[in-house]
C-alpha cells in the first residue's frame, strides 16, 4: 500500500486531533516531545511535526488500535502514512 504525502498529512492531522482529545495521552506526548499546546496548533500544517505525531502514535499498538478504530482506517495505515512524510523512509542497514 502506498499513501501520497497529502494523504499522509491528512492522517497525521487526524492523529493529532485524536491525540489532542485524549486527556490521558496528550500530556505524555507533550512531555516526551517538549511541545506546548500552542506548538500543536502552530505546527499542525508542518509535515515533519505530523511525522513526529505518527512516530509517537506508533510506539504503542494499543494507541494505534484506538486511533484506527475511531478513525475507521486499517491498523497499518499510520505506519504507511509515517513513511510518506519527511524523515519516515525505511533505513536499510545492509
Protein backbone atom coordinates (compact mmCIF):
# COMPACT_ATOMS: atom_id res chain seq x y z
CA UNK A 1 0.00 0.00 0.00
CA UNK A 2 1.27 3.42 -0.90
CA UNK A 3 -0.01 6.66 0.54
CA UNK A 4 0.63 10.06 -1.02
CA UNK A 5 2.19 12.84 1.02
CA UNK A 6 -1.15 14.67 1.01
CA UNK A 7 -2.99 11.60 2.30
CA UNK A 8 -0.29 11.11 4.92
CA UNK A 9 -0.72 14.69 6.14
CA UNK A 10 -4.48 14.16 6.48
CA UNK A 11 -3.87 11.02 8.53
CA UNK A 12 -1.31 12.91 10.62
CA UNK A 13 -3.84 15.68 11.25
CA UNK A 14 -6.45 13.13 12.27
CA UNK A 15 -3.93 11.55 14.63
CA UNK A 16 -3.12 14.97 16.09
CA UNK A 17 -6.83 15.70 16.63
CA UNK A 18 -7.28 12.30 18.25
CA UNK A 19 -4.28 12.93 20.48
CA UNK A 20 -5.50 16.38 21.49
CA UNK A 21 -8.84 14.90 22.53
CA UNK A 22 -7.14 12.23 24.65
CA UNK A 23 -6.75 13.74 28.13
CA UNK A 24 -4.53 10.91 29.36
CA UNK A 25 -2.20 10.60 26.37
CA UNK A 26 -1.77 14.26 25.39
CA UNK A 27 0.37 15.11 28.45
CA UNK A 28 2.56 12.08 27.71
CA UNK A 29 3.11 13.32 24.14
CA UNK A 30 3.82 16.85 25.30
CA UNK A 31 6.25 15.62 27.95
CA UNK A 32 8.03 13.32 25.50
CA UNK A 33 8.39 15.97 22.81
CA UNK A 34 8.64 19.14 24.87
CA UNK A 35 5.77 20.62 22.83
CA UNK A 36 3.38 23.14 24.37
CA UNK A 37 -0.29 23.43 23.43
CA UNK A 38 0.47 26.43 21.23
CA UNK A 39 3.04 24.36 19.36
CA UNK A 40 0.37 21.80 18.48
CA UNK A 41 -1.74 24.42 16.73
CA UNK A 42 1.20 26.23 15.14
CA UNK A 43 2.73 23.07 13.70
CA UNK A 44 -0.44 21.29 12.60
CA UNK A 45 0.42 22.07 8.97
CA UNK A 46 4.06 21.03 9.27
CA UNK A 47 4.72 17.60 7.70
CA UNK A 48 7.75 17.00 9.94
CA UNK A 49 5.67 17.66 13.06
CA UNK A 50 2.88 15.39 11.81
CA UNK A 51 5.54 12.74 11.30
CA UNK A 52 6.52 13.10 14.96
CA UNK A 53 2.87 12.68 15.95
CA UNK A 54 2.74 9.45 13.95
CA UNK A 55 6.08 8.34 15.41
CA UNK A 56 4.60 8.76 18.87
CA UNK A 57 1.32 7.07 17.98
CA UNK A 58 3.02 4.02 16.50
CA UNK A 59 5.09 3.44 19.64
CA UNK A 60 2.20 1.51 21.18
CA UNK A 61 -0.07 -0.97 19.43
CA UNK A 62 -2.95 -0.12 21.77
CA UNK A 63 -2.78 3.53 20.72
CA UNK A 64 -2.75 2.54 17.05
CA UNK A 65 -5.80 0.32 17.55
CA UNK A 66 -7.70 3.03 19.44
CA UNK A 67 -6.90 5.69 16.84
CA UNK A 68 -7.63 3.48 13.83
CA UNK A 69 -10.89 2.18 15.28
CA UNK A 70 -12.03 5.74 15.94
CA UNK A 71 -10.85 6.96 12.51
CA UNK A 72 -12.25 3.95 10.66
CA UNK A 73 -8.95 3.05 8.99
CA UNK A 74 -6.83 -0.11 8.81
CA UNK A 75 -4.22 -0.63 11.52
CA UNK A 76 -1.29 -0.43 9.12
CA UNK A 77 -2.28 2.98 7.70
CA UNK A 78 -0.50 5.12 10.35
CA UNK A 79 2.82 3.42 9.56
CA UNK A 80 2.35 3.84 5.81
CA UNK A 81 1.45 7.49 6.42
CA UNK A 82 4.58 7.92 8.54
CA UNK A 83 6.74 6.52 5.77
CA UNK A 84 5.26 9.05 3.31
CA UNK A 85 6.19 12.05 5.47
CA UNK A 86 9.65 13.63 5.78
CA UNK A 87 12.02 11.51 7.84
CA UNK A 88 9.87 8.43 7.56
CA UNK A 89 11.84 6.48 4.98
CA UNK A 90 12.82 2.97 5.96
CA UNK A 91 16.50 2.72 6.84
CA UNK A 92 18.38 -0.16 5.26
CA UNK A 93 21.47 -1.09 7.24
CA UNK A 94 22.87 -3.57 4.73
